[in-house]
Amino acid sequence: MEHGPTACDTPTIQEPDLQAAVVHSKKDYNSVADEIDRLRKLKQNVLVESAEREGLKQRIREMREILEQQSTEVTEYDELLVRRLIEKVEVYDERFEVEFKSGAKVDVVR
């Protein structure tokens, strides 16, 4: 700066060009930031779905273990077995629906 711009042999960037470059880079930054946010949300959804699937697999494994521990065929009502396997039973006029703890549902027509 001692000798002014004429002493500098490095090419200079004009103010409008510099401003245009800054505006363009800001747009690019915003675009990348938006994409990062979108991907983070997508990743979170995938992780939640994966955890739900793993939970379902675990409940199915537990049901299988319970059933394998049964030494004989079930011929009468077993309160403990029902509480371990069945989440809920919904009764309708013509049928009822049994929902197991694994999430599986069975319709039984009367």
N, C-alpha and C. Protein backbone atom coordinates (compact mmCIF):
# COMPACT_ATOMS: atom_id res chain seq x y z
N MET A 1 0.81 -1.18 0.00
CA MET A 1 0.00 0.00 0.00
C MET A 1 0.86 1.26 0.00
N GLU A 2 2.10 1.12 0.31
CA GLU A 2 2.96 2.30 0.33
C GLU A 2 3.06 2.97 -1.02
N HIS A 3 3.07 2.18 -2.09
CA HIS A 3 3.29 2.74 -3.44
C HIS A 3 2.01 2.80 -4.26
N GLY A 4 0.87 2.39 -3.67
CA GLY A 4 -0.41 2.48 -4.37
C GLY A 4 -0.65 1.29 -5.27
N PRO A 5 -1.82 1.27 -5.91
CA PRO A 5 -2.21 0.13 -6.75
C PRO A 5 -1.33 -0.04 -7.98
N THR A 6 -0.64 0.98 -8.40
CA THR A 6 0.19 0.85 -9.60
C THR A 6 1.45 0.04 -9.34
N ALA A 7 1.85 -0.06 -8.08
CA ALA A 7 3.05 -0.81 -7.74
C ALA A 7 2.76 -2.31 -7.60
N CYS A 8 1.52 -2.67 -7.54
CA CYS A 8 1.13 -4.07 -7.35
C CYS A 8 0.93 -4.72 -8.72
N ASP A 9 1.59 -5.85 -8.93
CA ASP A 9 1.43 -6.51 -10.22
C ASP A 9 0.44 -7.69 -10.15
N THR A 10 -0.21 -7.87 -9.01
CA THR A 10 -1.22 -8.92 -8.85
C THR A 10 -2.54 -8.41 -9.42
N PRO A 11 -3.24 -9.26 -10.20
CA PRO A 11 -4.51 -8.81 -10.75
C PRO A 11 -5.50 -8.50 -9.62
N THR A 12 -6.29 -7.48 -9.81
CA THR A 12 -7.28 -7.09 -8.81
C THR A 12 -8.65 -7.54 -9.24
N ILE A 13 -9.52 -7.69 -8.26
CA ILE A 13 -10.92 -8.06 -8.53
C ILE A 13 -11.76 -6.82 -8.32
N GLN A 14 -12.57 -6.54 -9.29
CA GLN A 14 -13.44 -5.38 -9.21
C GLN A 14 -14.54 -5.63 -8.17
N GLU A 15 -14.97 -4.59 -7.52
CA GLU A 15 -15.98 -4.68 -6.44
C GLU A 15 -17.25 -5.42 -6.89
N PRO A 16 -17.84 -5.10 -8.05
CA PRO A 16 -19.07 -5.81 -8.46
C PRO A 16 -18.82 -7.31 -8.65
N ASP A 17 -17.68 -7.66 -9.21
CA ASP A 17 -17.36 -9.09 -9.38
C ASP A 17 -17.22 -9.78 -8.03
N LEU A 18 -16.58 -9.10 -7.09
CA LEU A 18 -16.40 -9.65 -5.76
C LEU A 18 -17.75 -9.83 -5.06
N GLN A 19 -18.62 -8.85 -5.18
CA GLN A 19 -19.94 -8.94 -4.57
C GLN A 19 -20.75 -10.08 -5.19
N ALA A 20 -20.66 -10.22 -6.51
CA ALA A 20 -21.38 -11.30 -7.19
C ALA A 20 -20.87 -12.66 -6.71
N ALA A 21 -19.57 -12.79 -6.52
CA ALA A 21 -18.99 -14.04 -6.04
C ALA A 21 -19.47 -14.36 -4.63
N VAL A 22 -19.55 -13.33 -3.79
CA VAL A 22 -20.02 -13.53 -2.41
C VAL A 22 -21.48 -13.96 -2.41
N VAL A 23 -22.32 -13.32 -3.22
CA VAL A 23 -23.74 -13.68 -3.31
C VAL A 23 -23.89 -15.12 -3.80
N HIS A 24 -23.12 -15.47 -4.82
CA HIS A 24 -23.18 -16.83 -5.36
C HIS A 24 -22.75 -17.86 -4.32
N SER A 25 -21.67 -17.56 -3.60
CA SER A 25 -21.19 -18.52 -2.60
C SER A 25 -22.19 -18.65 -1.45
N LYS A 26 -22.90 -17.56 -1.11
CA LYS A 26 -23.92 -17.60 -0.06
C LYS A 26 -25.07 -18.50 -0.49
N LYS A 27 -25.48 -18.40 -1.77
CA LYS A 27 -26.53 -19.27 -2.28
C LYS A 27 -26.08 -20.73 -2.23
N ASP A 28 -24.85 -20.98 -2.65
CA ASP A 28 -24.31 -22.35 -2.59
C ASP A 28 -24.29 -22.86 -1.16
N TYR A 29 -23.86 -22.00 -0.23
CA TYR A 29 -23.80 -22.39 1.18
C TYR A 29 -25.19 -22.75 1.69
N ASN A 30 -26.17 -21.90 1.37
CA ASN A 30 -27.54 -22.16 1.82
C ASN A 30 -28.07 -23.47 1.24
N SER A 31 -27.76 -23.70 -0.02
CA SER A 31 -28.20 -24.94 -0.66
C SER A 31 -27.58 -26.16 0.02
N VAL A 32 -26.31 -26.10 0.31
CA VAL A 32 -25.62 -27.21 0.99
C VAL A 32 -26.16 -27.38 2.41
N ALA A 33 -26.39 -26.27 3.11
CA ALA A 33 -26.92 -26.34 4.48
C ALA A 33 -28.32 -26.96 4.48
N ASP A 34 -29.16 -26.60 3.52
CA ASP A 34 -30.50 -27.18 3.40
C ASP A 34 -30.41 -28.69 3.14
N GLU A 35 -29.50 -29.08 2.28
CA GLU A 35 -29.33 -30.50 1.97
C GLU A 35 -28.84 -31.26 3.19
N ILE A 36 -27.95 -30.67 3.95
CA ILE A 36 -27.46 -31.31 5.18
C ILE A 36 -28.61 -31.50 6.16
N ASP A 37 -29.45 -30.48 6.32
CA ASP A 37 -30.61 -30.60 7.21
C ASP A 37 -31.56 -31.70 6.74
N ARG A 38 -31.81 -31.74 5.44
CA ARG A 38 -32.70 -32.77 4.88
C ARG A 38 -32.14 -34.16 5.15
N LEU A 39 -30.85 -34.32 4.92
CA LEU A 39 -30.23 -35.63 5.13
C LEU A 39 -30.20 -36.03 6.60
N ARG A 40 -30.02 -35.06 7.49
CA ARG A 40 -30.06 -35.36 8.93
C ARG A 40 -31.44 -35.86 9.34
N LYS A 41 -32.48 -35.20 8.83
CA LYS A 41 -33.85 -35.63 9.14
C LYS A 41 -34.11 -37.02 8.57
N LEU A 42 -33.66 -37.25 7.36
CA LEU A 42 -33.82 -38.56 6.74
C LEU A 42 -33.10 -39.63 7.55
N LYS A 43 -31.88 -39.32 7.99
CA LYS A 43 -31.11 -40.26 8.81
C LYS A 43 -31.84 -40.56 10.11
N GLN A 44 -32.40 -39.53 10.74
CA GLN A 44 -33.14 -39.72 11.99
C GLN A 44 -34.34 -40.63 11.77
N ASN A 45 -35.07 -40.41 10.67
CA ASN A 45 -36.21 -41.27 10.36
C ASN A 45 -35.78 -42.71 10.14
N VAL A 46 -34.69 -42.90 9.44
CA VAL A 46 -34.18 -44.25 9.18
C VAL A 46 -33.77 -44.92 10.49
N LEU A 47 -33.13 -44.18 11.38
CA LEU A 47 -32.73 -44.74 12.67
C LEU A 47 -33.94 -45.13 13.51
N VAL A 48 -34.98 -44.31 13.49
CA VAL A 48 -36.20 -44.62 14.23
C VAL A 48 -36.85 -45.88 13.66
N GLU A 49 -36.96 -45.95 12.34
CA GLU A 49 -37.55 -47.13 11.70
C GLU A 49 -36.74 -48.38 12.01
N SER A 50 -35.43 -48.25 11.99
CA SER A 50 -34.56 -49.38 12.29
C SER A 50 -34.75 -49.84 13.73
N ALA A 51 -34.84 -48.90 14.65
CA ALA A 51 -35.05 -49.25 16.06
C ALA A 51 -36.41 -49.93 16.24
N GLU A 52 -37.42 -49.45 15.54
CA GLU A 52 -38.75 -50.08 15.62
C GLU A 52 -38.70 -51.51 15.09
N ARG A 53 -37.99 -51.70 13.98
CA ARG A 53 -37.86 -53.06 13.41
C ARG A 53 -37.12 -53.98 14.38
N GLU A 54 -36.06 -53.46 14.98
CA GLU A 54 -35.31 -54.27 15.94
C GLU A 54 -36.17 -54.63 17.15
N GLY A 55 -36.98 -53.67 17.59
CA GLY A 55 -37.90 -53.95 18.70
C GLY A 55 -38.90 -55.03 18.33
N LEU A 56 -39.43 -54.97 17.12
CA LEU A 56 -40.36 -55.99 16.65
C LEU A 56 -39.68 -57.34 16.57
N LYS A 57 -38.47 -57.38 16.03
CA LYS A 57 -37.73 -58.64 15.96
C LYS A 57 -37.50 -59.23 17.35
N GLN A 58 -37.17 -58.36 18.31
CA GLN A 58 -36.94 -58.81 19.68
C GLN A 58 -38.22 -59.39 20.28
N ARG A 59 -39.36 -58.73 20.05
CA ARG A 59 -40.63 -59.24 20.57
C ARG A 59 -40.99 -60.58 19.94
N ILE A 60 -40.70 -60.73 18.65
CA ILE A 60 -40.97 -62.01 17.99
C ILE A 60 -40.07 -63.10 18.56
N ARG A 61 -38.79 -62.77 18.80
CA ARG A 61 -37.89 -63.75 19.41
C ARG A 61 -38.39 -64.17 20.80
N GLU A 62 -38.85 -63.20 21.57
CA GLU A 62 -39.37 -63.50 22.90
C GLU A 62 -40.60 -64.39 22.81
N MET A 63 -41.49 -64.09 21.86
CA MET A 63 -42.68 -64.94 21.68
C MET A 63 -42.28 -66.36 21.30
N ARG A 64 -41.31 -66.46 20.40
CA ARG A 64 -40.85 -67.78 19.97
C ARG A 64 -40.29 -68.56 21.17
N GLU A 65 -39.50 -67.90 22.00
CA GLU A 65 -38.94 -68.55 23.19
C GLU A 65 -40.04 -69.02 24.13
N ILE A 66 -41.03 -68.18 24.33
CA ILE A 66 -42.15 -68.55 25.20
C ILE A 66 -42.86 -69.78 24.66
N LEU A 67 -43.13 -69.78 23.35
CA LEU A 67 -43.82 -70.91 22.74
C LEU A 67 -42.97 -72.18 22.76
N GLU A 68 -41.66 -72.02 22.58
CA GLU A 68 -40.78 -73.20 22.61
C GLU A 68 -40.68 -73.78 24.01
N GLN A 69 -40.89 -72.96 25.03
CA GLN A 69 -40.83 -73.44 26.42
C GLN A 69 -42.08 -74.22 26.80
N GLN A 70 -43.14 -74.07 26.03
CA GLN A 70 -44.36 -74.81 26.32
C GLN A 70 -44.11 -76.28 26.03
N SER A 71 -44.27 -77.09 27.05
CA SER A 71 -43.93 -78.50 26.89
C SER A 71 -45.01 -79.29 26.16
N THR A 72 -46.24 -78.84 26.23
CA THR A 72 -47.33 -79.57 25.58
C THR A 72 -48.22 -78.62 24.82
N GLU A 73 -49.15 -79.19 24.11
CA GLU A 73 -50.14 -78.39 23.40
C GLU A 73 -51.05 -77.71 24.41
N VAL A 74 -51.41 -76.48 24.15
CA VAL A 74 -52.29 -75.75 25.05
C VAL A 74 -53.71 -76.24 24.83
N THR A 75 -54.30 -76.80 25.88
CA THR A 75 -55.66 -77.34 25.76
C THR A 75 -56.66 -76.58 26.62
N GLU A 76 -56.17 -75.72 27.48
CA GLU A 76 -57.07 -74.93 28.31
C GLU A 76 -56.47 -73.54 28.51
N TYR A 77 -57.29 -72.66 29.00
CA TYR A 77 -56.88 -71.27 29.19
C TYR A 77 -55.70 -71.19 30.15
N ASP A 78 -54.68 -70.43 29.75
CA ASP A 78 -53.48 -70.26 30.58
C ASP A 78 -53.26 -68.75 30.74
N GLU A 79 -53.63 -68.22 31.90
CA GLU A 79 -53.55 -66.78 32.17
C GLU A 79 -52.13 -66.24 31.94
N LEU A 80 -51.13 -66.94 32.43
CA LEU A 80 -49.75 -66.49 32.30
C LEU A 80 -49.33 -66.43 30.82
N LEU A 81 -49.70 -67.44 30.07
CA LEU A 81 -49.38 -67.46 28.65
C LEU A 81 -50.06 -66.31 27.91
N VAL A 82 -51.31 -66.07 28.23
CA VAL A 82 -52.06 -64.98 27.59
C VAL A 82 -51.39 -63.65 27.91
N ARG A 83 -51.04 -63.41 29.14
CA ARG A 83 -50.42 -62.14 29.53
C ARG A 83 -49.04 -61.95 28.89
N ARG A 84 -48.34 -63.03 28.63
CA ARG A 84 -47.01 -62.94 28.04
C ARG A 84 -47.07 -62.74 26.53
N LEU A 85 -48.13 -63.23 25.88
CA LEU A 85 -48.19 -63.20 24.42
C LEU A 85 -49.12 -62.16 23.82
N ILE A 86 -50.22 -61.86 24.48
CA ILE A 86 -51.27 -61.05 23.86
C ILE A 86 -51.26 -59.63 24.40
N GLU A 87 -51.25 -58.69 23.47
CA GLU A 87 -51.31 -57.28 23.82
C GLU A 87 -52.75 -56.86 24.11
N LYS A 88 -53.66 -57.21 23.17
CA LYS A 88 -55.07 -56.85 23.38
C LYS A 88 -55.96 -57.69 22.47
N VAL A 89 -57.24 -57.71 22.85
CA VAL A 89 -58.26 -58.38 22.06
C VAL A 89 -59.38 -57.37 21.86
N GLU A 90 -59.75 -57.15 20.60
CA GLU A 90 -60.86 -56.25 20.28
C GLU A 90 -62.03 -57.09 19.77
N VAL A 91 -63.18 -56.89 20.38
CA VAL A 91 -64.37 -57.69 20.05
C VAL A 91 -65.33 -56.85 19.21
N TYR A 92 -65.75 -57.43 18.08
CA TYR A 92 -66.72 -56.81 17.17
C TYR A 92 -67.93 -57.72 17.08
N ASP A 93 -68.97 -57.27 16.37
CA ASP A 93 -70.20 -58.06 16.27
C ASP A 93 -69.97 -59.42 15.64
N GLU A 94 -69.25 -59.46 14.52
CA GLU A 94 -69.10 -60.70 13.76
C GLU A 94 -67.73 -61.37 13.93
N ARG A 95 -66.83 -60.71 14.62
CA ARG A 95 -65.48 -61.24 14.74
C ARG A 95 -64.78 -60.63 15.93
N PHE A 96 -63.59 -61.12 16.23
CA PHE A 96 -62.72 -60.43 17.18
C PHE A 96 -61.30 -60.49 16.66
N GLU A 97 -60.52 -59.53 17.12
CA GLU A 97 -59.15 -59.37 16.63
C GLU A 97 -58.20 -59.52 17.82
N VAL A 98 -57.22 -60.41 17.65
CA VAL A 98 -56.22 -60.63 18.68
C VAL A 98 -54.92 -59.98 18.20
N GLU A 99 -54.39 -59.08 19.03
CA GLU A 99 -53.11 -58.45 18.70
C GLU A 99 -52.06 -58.97 19.68
N PHE A 100 -51.04 -59.60 19.12
CA PHE A 100 -49.96 -60.14 19.93
C PHE A 100 -48.97 -59.05 20.27
N LYS A 101 -48.15 -59.29 21.27
CA LYS A 101 -47.16 -58.29 21.67
C LYS A 101 -46.13 -58.05 20.57
N SER A 102 -46.02 -58.96 19.66
CA SER A 102 -45.09 -58.79 18.53
C SER A 102 -45.63 -57.80 17.51
N GLY A 103 -46.92 -57.48 17.63
CA GLY A 103 -47.54 -56.58 16.67
C GLY A 103 -48.38 -57.33 15.65
N ALA A 104 -48.23 -58.64 15.58
CA ALA A 104 -49.03 -59.45 14.65
C ALA A 104 -50.49 -59.45 15.11
N LYS A 105 -51.39 -59.44 14.12
CA LYS A 105 -52.83 -59.43 14.43
C LYS A 105 -53.48 -60.62 13.74
N VAL A 106 -54.48 -61.19 14.42
CA VAL A 106 -55.23 -62.32 13.86
C VAL A 106 -56.71 -62.01 14.01
N ASP A 107 -57.45 -62.11 12.90
CA ASP A 107 -58.90 -61.97 12.94
C ASP A 107 -59.52 -63.34 13.14
N VAL A 108 -60.46 -63.42 14.06
CA VAL A 108 -61.18 -64.67 14.30
C VAL A 108 -62.64 -64.40 14.08
N VAL A 109 -63.23 -65.12 13.10
CA VAL A 109 -64.64 -64.97 12.78
C VAL A 109 -65.43 -65.86 13.73
N ARG A 110 -66.50 -65.29 14.26
CA ARG A 110 -67.34 -66.07 15.19
C ARG A 110 -68.18 -67.08 14.46
